[in-house]
Structures are given as structure tokens and as C-alpha cells.
C-alpha atoms as a PDB file:
ATOM      1  CA  MET A   1       7.927 -43.625  41.209  1.00  0.00           C
ATOM      2  CA  ALA A   2       5.327 -45.175  43.020  1.00  0.00           C
ATOM      3  CA  GLU A   3       5.014 -48.320  40.820  1.00  0.00           C
ATOM      4  CA  GLN A   4       9.326 -48.737  40.581  1.00  0.00           C
ATOM      5  CA  ALA A   5       8.669 -49.214  44.800  1.00  0.00           C
ATOM      6  CA  MET A   6       5.489 -51.413  44.980  1.00  0.00           C
ATOM      7  CA  ARG A   7       7.469 -53.645  42.387  1.00  0.00           C
ATOM      8  CA  GLN A   8      10.391 -53.310  44.304  1.00  0.00           C
ATOM      9  CA  ALA A   9       8.292 -54.437  47.759  1.00  0.00           C
ATOM     10  CA  GLU A  10       6.476 -57.053  46.381  1.00  0.00           C
ATOM     11  CA  VAL A  11       9.734 -58.761  45.860  1.00  0.00           C
ATOM     12  CA  THR A  12      11.167 -58.306  48.778  1.00  0.00           C
ATOM     13  CA  PHE A  13       8.470 -59.815  50.339  1.00  0.00           C
ATOM     14  CA  ARG A  14       8.356 -63.097  48.239  1.00  0.00           C
ATOM     15  CA  ASN A  15      12.332 -62.889  49.181  1.00  0.00           C
ATOM     16  CA  ALA A  16      11.669 -62.933  52.665  1.00  0.00           C
ATOM     17  CA  ASP A  17       8.890 -64.761  52.404  1.00  0.00           C
ATOM     18  CA  LYS A  18      10.884 -67.666  50.948  1.00  0.00           C
ATOM     19  CA  GLN A  19      13.956 -67.161  53.919  1.00  0.00           C
ATOM     20  CA  LEU A  20      11.628 -67.915  56.239  1.00  0.00           C
ATOM     21  CA  GLY A  21      10.216 -71.084  54.744  1.00  0.00           C
ATOM     22  CA  ARG A  22      13.948 -72.026  54.141  1.00  0.00           C
ATOM     23  CA  ASN A  23      14.560 -71.580  57.671  1.00  0.00           C
ATOM     24  CA  ARG A  24      11.695 -73.670  58.882  1.00  0.00           C
ATOM     25  CA  GLU A  25      13.170 -76.152  57.078  1.00  0.00           C
ATOM     26  CA  LEU A  26      17.078 -75.661  58.413  1.00  0.00           C
ATOM     27  CA  PHE A  27      15.522 -74.585  62.104  1.00  0.00           C
ATOM     28  CA  ALA A  28      13.930 -78.190  62.108  1.00  0.00           C
ATOM     29  CA  LYS A  29      16.829 -80.089  60.730  1.00  0.00           C
ATOM     30  CA  GLY A  30      19.035 -78.304  64.190  1.00  0.00           C
ATOM     31  CA  PHE A  31      21.266 -76.648  61.039  1.00  0.00           C
ATOM     32  CA  ILE A  32      19.976 -72.623  62.628  1.00  0.00           C
ATOM     33  CA  GLY A  33      18.223 -71.511  65.970  1.00  0.00           C
ATOM     34  CA  GLN A  34      15.164 -70.386  67.534  1.00  0.00           C
ATOM     35  CA  ALA A  35      17.134 -66.737  66.759  1.00  0.00           C
ATOM     36  CA  ALA A  36      17.687 -66.839  62.596  1.00  0.00           C
ATOM     37  CA  LEU A  37      14.604 -68.464  62.617  1.00  0.00           C
ATOM     38  CA  ALA A  38      12.297 -65.129  64.749  1.00  0.00           C
ATOM     39  CA  GLN A  39      14.768 -62.495  62.719  1.00  0.00           C
ATOM     40  CA  ALA A  40      13.608 -64.294  59.241  1.00  0.00           C
ATOM     41  CA  ARG A  41       9.726 -64.076  60.621  1.00  0.00           C
ATOM     42  CA  ALA A  42      10.319 -60.290  62.219  1.00  0.00           C
ATOM     43  CA  ASN A  43      11.714 -59.160  58.450  1.00  0.00           C
ATOM     44  CA  LEU A  44       8.830 -60.830  56.717  1.00  0.00           C
ATOM     45  CA  GLN A  45       6.894 -58.808  58.773  1.00  0.00           C
ATOM     46  CA  ALA A  46       7.908 -55.678  58.466  1.00  0.00           C
ATOM     47  CA  THR A  47       8.076 -56.545  54.195  1.00  0.00           C
ATOM     48  CA  GLN A  48       4.011 -57.207  55.102  1.00  0.00           C
ATOM     49  CA  ALA A  49       3.846 -53.948  56.932  1.00  0.00           C
ATOM     50  CA  LYS A  50       5.575 -51.907  54.149  1.00  0.00           C
ATOM     51  CA  LEU A  51       3.846 -53.683  50.789  1.00  0.00           C
ATOM     52  CA  ASP A  52       0.288 -52.961  52.971  1.00  0.00           C
ATOM     53  CA  GLN A  53       1.127 -49.067  52.963  1.00  0.00           C
ATOM     54  CA  MET A  54       1.016 -48.754  49.612  1.00  0.00           C
ATOM     55  CA  THR A  55      -1.730 -51.178  48.858  1.00  0.00           C
ATOM     56  CA  ILE A  56      -5.664 -50.130  48.920  1.00  0.00           C
ATOM     57  CA  GLU A  57      -9.181 -51.500  49.753  1.00  0.00           C
ATOM     58  CA  ALA A  58     -12.090 -51.123  49.950  1.00  0.00           C
ATOM     59  CA  PRO A  59     -13.103 -51.887  53.744  1.00  0.00           C
ATOM     60  CA  VAL A  60     -16.666 -53.438  52.846  1.00  0.00           C
ATOM     61  CA  ASP A  61     -18.169 -53.936  49.557  1.00  0.00           C
ATOM     62  CA  GLY A  62     -19.884 -51.218  47.810  1.00  0.00           C
ATOM     63  CA  THR A  63     -19.679 -48.740  44.833  1.00  0.00           C
ATOM     64  CA  LEU A  64     -17.059 -46.690  44.034  1.00  0.00           C
ATOM     65  CA  ILE A  65     -18.215 -43.221  43.886  1.00  0.00           C
ATOM     66  CA  ALA A  66     -15.591 -40.839  43.878  1.00  0.00           C
ATOM     67  CA  ARG A  67     -11.293 -40.242  43.506  1.00  0.00           C
ATOM     68  CA  SER A  68      -8.972 -37.588  43.611  1.00  0.00           C
ATOM     69  CA  VAL A  69      -6.002 -40.022  43.039  1.00  0.00           C
ATOM     70  CA  GLU A  70      -4.748 -41.100  39.829  1.00  0.00           C
ATOM     71  CA  ARG A  71      -2.347 -44.368  40.084  1.00  0.00           C
ATOM     72  CA  GLY A  72       1.135 -43.241  41.042  1.00  0.00           C
ATOM     73  CA  ASN A  73       0.186 -40.369  43.045  1.00  0.00           C
ATOM     74  CA  VAL A  74       2.095 -39.174  46.114  1.00  0.00           C
ATOM     75  CA  VAL A  75      -0.315 -38.891  49.060  1.00  0.00           C
ATOM     76  CA  GLN A  76      -0.282 -37.872  52.332  1.00  0.00           C
ATOM     77  CA  PRO A  77      -1.449 -39.501  55.329  1.00  0.00           C
ATOM     78  CA  GLY A  78      -4.598 -37.907  56.451  1.00  0.00           C
ATOM     79  CA  LYS A  79      -6.209 -37.567  51.871  1.00  0.00           C
ATOM     80  CA  ALA A  80      -9.507 -38.770  50.762  1.00  0.00           C
ATOM     81  CA  LEU A  81      -8.549 -40.426  48.592  1.00  0.00           C
ATOM     82  CA  MET A  82     -12.273 -42.123  47.659  1.00  0.00           C
ATOM     83  CA  VAL A  83     -15.629 -42.122  48.212  1.00  0.00           C
ATOM     84  CA  LEU A  84     -16.835 -45.375  48.868  1.00  0.00           C
ATOM     85  CA  SER A  85     -21.197 -45.745  48.671  1.00  0.00           C
ATOM     86  CA  PRO A  86     -21.175 -49.473  51.375  1.00  0.00           C
ATOM     87  CA  ALA A  87     -23.352 -51.542  49.872  1.00  0.00           C
ATOM     88  CA  GLY A  88     -25.884 -53.467  52.510  1.00  0.00           C
ATOM     89  CA  VAL A  89     -28.111 -51.797  54.860  1.00  0.00           C
ATOM     90  CA  THR A  90     -29.164 -47.938  53.928  1.00  0.00           C
ATOM     91  CA  GLN A  91     -28.623 -45.658  56.630  1.00  0.00           C
ATOM     92  CA  LEU A  92     -29.602 -41.902  57.172  1.00  0.00           C
ATOM     93  CA  VAL A  93     -26.932 -39.806  59.580  1.00  0.00           C
ATOM     94  CA  VAL A  94     -28.050 -36.257  60.394  1.00  0.00           C
ATOM     95  CA  GLN A  95     -27.782 -34.500  63.457  1.00  0.00           C
ATOM     96  CA  ILE A  96     -30.398 -33.697  66.127  1.00  0.00           C
ATOM     97  CA  ASP A  97     -30.040 -30.558  68.823  1.00  0.00           C
ATOM     98  CA  GLU A  98     -28.711 -32.636  72.523  1.00  0.00           C
ATOM     99  CA  LYS A  99     -31.548 -30.673  73.561  1.00  0.00           C
ATOM    100  CA  ASN A 100     -34.244 -32.566  72.080  1.00  0.00           C
ATOM    101  CA  LEU A 101     -31.930 -36.159  73.084  1.00  0.00           C
ATOM    102  CA  ASN A 102     -33.859 -36.936  76.004  1.00  0.00           C
ATOM    103  CA  LEU A 103     -36.961 -37.676  73.567  1.00  0.00           C
ATOM    104  CA  LEU A 104     -34.743 -40.253  71.417  1.00  0.00           C
ATOM    105  CA  ALA A 105     -34.621 -43.864  72.671  1.00  0.00           C
ATOM    106  CA  LEU A 106     -32.947 -47.087  69.819  1.00  0.00           C
ATOM    107  CA  GLY A 107     -36.170 -48.257  67.869  1.00  0.00           C
ATOM    108  CA  GLN A 108     -38.211 -45.187  67.593  1.00  0.00           C
ATOM    109  CA  GLN A 109     -39.737 -44.451  63.981  1.00  0.00           C
ATOM    110  CA  ALA A 110     -39.531 -41.803  61.720  1.00  0.00           C
ATOM    111  CA  LEU A 111     -40.528 -40.413  58.288  1.00  0.00           C
ATOM    112  CA  ALA A 112     -38.258 -38.741  56.425  1.00  0.00           C
ATOM    113  CA  SER A 113     -38.366 -37.030  52.774  1.00  0.00           C
ATOM    114  CA  ALA A 114     -35.349 -35.596  50.252  1.00  0.00           C
ATOM    115  CA  ASP A 115     -35.345 -32.443  49.810  1.00  0.00           C
ATOM    116  CA  ALA A 116     -34.812 -33.224  45.834  1.00  0.00           C
ATOM    117  CA  TYR A 117     -38.221 -34.374  46.448  1.00  0.00           C
ATOM    118  CA  PRO A 118     -39.910 -32.650  49.218  1.00  0.00           C
ATOM    119  CA  GLY A 119     -43.824 -34.393  48.616  1.00  0.00           C
ATOM    120  CA  GLU A 120     -42.361 -38.469  48.474  1.00  0.00           C
ATOM    121  CA  ARG A 121     -41.823 -39.910  52.219  1.00  0.00           C
ATOM    122  CA  PHE A 122     -39.689 -42.907  53.289  1.00  0.00           C
ATOM    123  CA  ARG A 123     -39.912 -44.692  56.720  1.00  0.00           C
ATOM    124  CA  ALA A 124     -36.986 -45.021  58.638  1.00  0.00           C
ATOM    125  CA  ARG A 125     -36.158 -46.586  62.067  1.00  0.00           C
ATOM    126  CA  ILE A 126     -33.435 -45.260  64.944  1.00  0.00           C
ATOM    127  CA  ALA A 127     -30.169 -47.816  65.208  1.00  0.00           C
ATOM    128  CA  TYR A 128     -27.893 -45.579  66.867  1.00  0.00           C
ATOM    129  CA  ILE A 129     -27.422 -42.809  69.015  1.00  0.00           C
ATOM    130  CA  ASN A 130     -23.816 -41.413  69.278  1.00  0.00           C
ATOM    131  CA  PRO A 131     -23.016 -41.662  72.915  1.00  0.00           C
ATOM    132  CA  GLY A 132     -21.493 -38.134  72.784  1.00  0.00           C
ATOM    133  CA  VAL A 133     -22.091 -34.667  72.050  1.00  0.00           C
ATOM    134  CA  ASP A 134     -20.539 -32.640  69.035  1.00  0.00           C
ATOM    135  CA  PRO A 135     -19.345 -29.411  71.322  1.00  0.00           C
ATOM    136  CA  LEU A 136     -18.889 -27.040  68.796  1.00  0.00           C
ATOM    137  CA  ARG A 137     -22.705 -27.768  67.173  1.00  0.00           C
ATOM    138  CA  GLY A 138     -24.246 -28.510  69.910  1.00  0.00           C
ATOM    139  CA  SER A 139     -25.479 -31.641  68.172  1.00  0.00           C
ATOM    140  CA  VAL A 140     -25.946 -35.105  68.870  1.00  0.00           C
ATOM    141  CA  GLU A 141     -25.028 -37.983  65.278  1.00  0.00           C
ATOM    142  CA  VAL A 142     -28.554 -39.927  64.794  1.00  0.00           C
ATOM    143  CA  LYS A 143     -28.965 -43.011  62.728  1.00  0.00           C
ATOM    144  CA  LEU A 144     -31.354 -43.962  61.212  1.00  0.00           C
ATOM    145  CA  ASP A 145     -32.045 -47.830  59.252  1.00  0.00           C
ATOM    146  CA  VAL A 146     -34.069 -47.709  56.191  1.00  0.00           C
ATOM    147  CA  PRO A 147     -35.630 -50.661  55.245  1.00  0.00           C
ATOM    148  CA  ASN A 148     -37.098 -50.281  52.253  1.00  0.00           C
ATOM    149  CA  PRO A 149     -35.168 -47.088  50.523  1.00  0.00           C
ATOM    150  CA  PRO A 150     -36.393 -45.764  47.544  1.00  0.00           C
ATOM    151  CA  ALA A 151     -34.837 -45.843  44.144  1.00  0.00           C
ATOM    152  CA  TYR A 152     -34.259 -41.792  44.065  1.00  0.00           C
ATOM    153  CA  LEU A 153     -31.967 -42.444  47.357  1.00  0.00           C
ATOM    154  CA  LEU A 154     -28.545 -41.168  47.320  1.00  0.00           C
ATOM    155  CA  GLN A 155     -25.784 -41.237  49.040  1.00  0.00           C
ATOM    156  CA  ASP A 156     -24.751 -37.568  50.507  1.00  0.00           C
ATOM    157  CA  MET A 157     -28.473 -36.407  49.672  1.00  0.00           C
ATOM    158  CA  THR A 158     -30.073 -33.761  52.470  1.00  0.00           C
ATOM    159  CA  VAL A 159     -32.912 -35.255  54.320  1.00  0.00           C
ATOM    160  CA  SER A 160     -35.523 -34.222  56.662  1.00  0.00           C
ATOM    161  CA  VAL A 161     -36.683 -36.162  58.995  1.00  0.00           C
ATOM    162  CA  ASP A 162     -39.811 -36.307  62.076  1.00  0.00           C
ATOM    163  CA  VAL A 163     -38.915 -38.893  64.229  1.00  0.00           C
ATOM    164  CA  GLU A 164     -42.131 -40.013  66.466  1.00  0.00           C
ATOM    165  CA  VAL A 165     -40.929 -39.406  69.586  1.00  0.00           C
ATOM    166  CA  ALA A 166     -45.058 -40.090  71.637  1.00  0.00           C
ATOM    167  CA  ARG A 167     -47.955 -40.836  70.719  1.00  0.00           C
ATOM    168  CA  ARG A 168     -51.214 -39.735  71.925  1.00  0.00           C
ATOM    169  CA  ASP A 169     -55.094 -40.838  71.774  1.00  0.00           C
ATOM    170  CA  SER A 170     -56.165 -37.648  72.262  1.00  0.00           C
ATOM    171  CA  ILE A 171     -53.884 -34.421  73.008  1.00  0.00           C
ATOM    172  CA  LEU A 172     -54.640 -30.267  73.374  1.00  0.00           C
ATOM    173  CA  PHE A 173     -52.157 -29.103  70.691  1.00  0.00           C
ATOM    174  CA  LEU A 174     -52.037 -25.515  69.196  1.00  0.00           C
ATOM    175  CA  PRO A 175     -50.219 -24.476  65.882  1.00  0.00           C
ATOM    176  CA  ALA A 176     -46.473 -23.534  66.637  1.00  0.00           C
ATOM    177  CA  ASP A 177     -47.162 -20.057  65.870  1.00  0.00           C
ATOM    178  CA  GLY A 178     -49.087 -19.886  68.514  1.00  0.00           C
ATOM    179  CA  VAL A 179     -46.635 -20.364  71.261  1.00  0.00           C
ATOM    180  CA  HIS A 180     -44.175 -17.041  72.837  1.00  0.00           C
ATOM    181  CA  ASP A 181     -41.090 -18.223  73.322  1.00  0.00           C
ATOM    182  CA  LEU A 182     -41.666 -22.038  72.105  1.00  0.00           C
ATOM    183  CA  ALA A 183     -37.716 -23.014  72.211  1.00  0.00           C
ATOM    184  CA  GLY A 184     -37.450 -20.939  76.022  1.00  0.00           C
ATOM    185  CA  ALA A 185     -37.702 -22.485  79.737  1.00  0.00           C
ATOM    186  CA  ALA A 186     -41.630 -20.450  80.411  1.00  0.00           C
ATOM    187  CA  PRO A 187     -43.617 -20.145  77.071  1.00  0.00           C
ATOM    188  CA  TRP A 188     -47.058 -18.450  76.962  1.00  0.00           C
ATOM    189  CA  VAL A 189     -49.986 -17.857  74.889  1.00  0.00           C
ATOM    190  CA  GLN A 190     -51.884 -14.328  74.581  1.00  0.00           C
ATOM    191  CA  VAL A 191     -55.678 -15.823  74.619  1.00  0.00           C
ATOM    192  CA  ILE A 192     -58.899 -13.949  74.905  1.00  0.00           C
ATOM    193  CA  ARG A 193     -61.296 -14.051  77.735  1.00  0.00           C
ATOM    194  CA  ASP A 194     -63.958 -11.499  78.779  1.00  0.00           C
ATOM    195  CA  GLY A 195     -63.255 -10.352  75.585  1.00  0.00           C
ATOM    196  CA  ARG A 196     -59.969  -8.780  76.923  1.00  0.00           C
ATOM    197  CA  VAL A 197     -55.939 -10.246  76.075  1.00  0.00           C
ATOM    198  CA  ALA A 198     -54.555 -12.114  78.645  1.00  0.00           C
ATOM    199  CA  ARG A 199     -51.187 -13.598  79.287  1.00  0.00           C
ATOM    200  CA  GLN A 200     -50.770 -17.479  80.142  1.00  0.00           C
ATOM    201  CA  ASP A 201     -48.406 -19.236  80.424  1.00  0.00           C
ATOM    202  CA  VAL A 202     -48.331 -22.891  79.468  1.00  0.00           C
ATOM    203  CA  LYS A 203     -46.608 -26.354  79.993  1.00  0.00           C
ATOM    204  CA  LEU A 204     -45.756 -28.160  76.189  1.00  0.00           C
ATOM    205  CA  GLY A 205     -45.522 -31.467  75.805  1.00  0.00           C
ATOM    206  CA  ALA A 206     -44.638 -32.788  72.174  1.00  0.00           C
ATOM    207  CA  ARG A 207     -43.642 -31.431  69.461  1.00  0.00           C
ATOM    208  CA  GLY A 208     -45.170 -32.009  65.852  1.00  0.00           C
ATOM    209  CA  GLU A 209     -44.887 -30.339  62.472  1.00  0.00           C
ATOM    210  CA  GLY A 210     -45.798 -27.243  62.753  1.00  0.00           C
ATOM    211  CA  ARG A 211     -47.671 -27.932  66.150  1.00  0.00           C
ATOM    212  CA  VAL A 212     -46.910 -28.167  69.560  1.00  0.00           C
ATOM    213  CA  GLU A 213     -49.409 -30.593  72.590  1.00  0.00           C
ATOM    214  CA  ILE A 214     -50.339 -28.696  75.042  1.00  0.00           C
ATOM    215  CA  ALA A 215     -50.023 -30.502  78.297  1.00  0.00           C
ATOM    216  CA  ALA A 216     -51.418 -27.379  81.044  1.00  0.00           C
ATOM    217  CA  GLY A 217     -52.528 -24.088  80.578  1.00  0.00           C
ATOM    218  CA  LEU A 218     -55.141 -23.845  78.149  1.00  0.00           C
ATOM    219  CA  SER A 219     -58.677 -25.406  78.166  1.00  0.00           C
ATOM    220  CA  GLU A 220     -59.805 -27.101  74.492  1.00  0.00           C
ATOM    221  CA  GLY A 221     -62.203 -24.233  72.382  1.00  0.00           C
ATOM    222  CA  GLU A 222     -59.805 -21.210  74.445  1.00  0.00           C
ATOM    223  CA  ARG A 223     -59.163 -18.062  71.151  1.00  0.00           C
ATOM    224  CA  VAL A 224     -55.226 -18.094  71.383  1.00  0.00           C
ATOM    225  CA  VAL A 225     -53.531 -14.866  69.848  1.00  0.00           C
ATOM    226  CA  PRO A 226     -51.122 -15.948  67.281  1.00  0.00           C
ATOM    227  CA  SER A 227     -47.776 -14.430  68.051  1.00  0.00           C
ATOM    228  CA  THR A 228     -46.723 -13.193  65.417  1.00  0.00           C
ATOM    229  CA  ARG A 229     -50.057 -10.728  65.968  1.00  0.00           C
ATOM    230  CA  THR A 230     -48.328  -7.807  67.432  1.00  0.00           C
ATOM    231  CA  GLY A 231     -49.229  -4.564  68.946  1.00  0.00           C
ATOM    232  CA  LEU A 232     -52.212  -6.206  71.729  1.00  0.00           C
ATOM    233  CA  ARG A 233     -51.384  -5.855  75.822  1.00  0.00           C
ATOM    234  CA  GLU A 234     -52.042  -7.666  78.088  1.00  0.00           C
ATOM    235  CA  GLY A 235     -56.070  -6.033  79.452  1.00  0.00           C
ATOM    236  CA  GLU A 236     -56.607  -4.973  76.429  1.00  0.00           C
ATOM    237  CA  ALA A 237     -60.211  -4.844  74.967  1.00  0.00           C
ATOM    238  CA  VAL A 238     -60.852  -6.725  71.545  1.00  0.00           C
ATOM    239  CA  HIS A 239     -63.527  -7.811  69.287  1.00  0.00           C
ATOM    240  CA  VAL A 240     -63.562 -10.897  67.624  1.00  0.00           C
ATOM    241  CA  ALA A 241     -65.992 -11.070  64.633  1.00  0.00           C
ATOM    242  CA  ALA A 242     -67.580 -14.425  64.399  1.00  0.00           C
ATOM    243  CA  ALA A 243     -66.098 -16.333  60.585  1.00  0.00           C
ATOM    244  CA  LYS A 244     -68.323 -15.999  57.529  1.00  0.00           C
ATOM    245  CA  ALA A 245     -69.633 -19.609  56.069  1.00  0.00           C
ATOM    246  CA  PRO A 246     -67.889 -20.526  52.921  1.00  0.00           C
ATOM    247  CA  ALA A 247     -70.235 -19.210  49.832  1.00  0.00           C
ATOM    248  CA  LYS A 248     -72.803 -22.447  48.958  1.00  0.00           C
ATOM    249  CA  PRO A 249     -71.812 -22.587  45.271  1.00  0.00           C
END
């Protein structure tokens, strides 16, 4: 039935096109008026619109990687019929927590890896930051161009992306597990001073993979208790054992 409707639409379109051509000739010779010519043109446009609804065209060149319909199927509006992997620039599309939005900027460099190949990393660059926030997930859509995509990178792969949001020549940093309330408004650490446990508020800076910059609150060389070490109270006396030298072969 769908194929028959398609053929009928094509025939109707050709007839309307011919009728418009004849009316243009008659109009030029003065045999019909502007109204008749306009009606013929409207009929052609309506037929063209109906024909367009029965034709599926790819918006860009690419590779078809999924198809959920067959020729002649009747489909409903809003249903995904096919999935196209577009040719051209390769992009990564990621969702980043909105609390990090102030750190992002167009052109920032990044290193990415596919979860299927965690040992392989490739370069990317931020090319687009969505101006709106997803209210359900509290995230922002960010697109990154990949200038030299690896051969194994496929459509809809899960990827991890590290974006370079700042660069410092010399910084003080801690492993992330040394900071309490890392994502809160008042992060702090436990330090050992004069043989006792003390609480110290800190100001955090840039964050990297598994570590965080300490912008204020600590000095180089201070001993910090990992946040995973529980049970230590403020003011409690502790003994720090000296690290053992590695055994000689």
C-alpha cells in the first residue's frame, strides 16, 4: 500500500508540474489570468510536500549503522527509523556536571580514552558548550572535536575525557583521598602537627585525575592523614613511623 501511494504521489506530481507548465504558456499568451496560474503553482507545491513526506533523505553523507524499518512499512511521527554515522569531523559528546561549567571554555585541550581501550589515549578539543543545562540530570552537553581519531573509535562508544582547565608550573597538591568533604563548600584535612592530629580547613584549586591542588591551608612537607583512615580524633597523640628504605638486592 505504501509503495502504491508513493507511485500515485509521483504521478500526481508529474501531472501537476505539466499543468503548471501549460498554464504558464497560456498566461504568457493572455488566455488565462494570474489566479489560474497561482492555483496551478499551489497544486504543484502541495503535491511536492506530500511527495517529500514519503521520501527519506540523509541530511549529510555518512554510513548507515542501524535501520528499524523495511521498505513499505507504515511509520509513526517521532519514531527513529535509521541511525547514521556522519562523515567528516569526529566528535565526542559528553555530559559534564553543571558545577564545573565555570571551568570550561571553547578551545580547551583534552585527553580521552574509550572504555574498551583504557590504555589508549587520544587528543580532543572543546568545540561546543550547550548554552542550557539539563534540569533532570544537572549536566551540560559538551562536544569535543577529535582531529586524529583512532581506528578503533566507533559510534556510541563509552568514553572518558580529562579536560585541561588550568595549567600551573609549580603547585602543592594532595591525593584526592586525603581531603574530607571534597565536593562540599568547606573541604578540610587532618594533619599531624607536633605529634597530634589537627583539623585544617583548605582551599582547593584545580583538580586532576586522583589528585587536587591545595591553594591555601597547607605547607609543603606537612603530613596529612588519608580520609579513609577513620577513628582519629582532633588532638589525639599519634606516632609516625619512619619509612623503611627498600632492601638492597
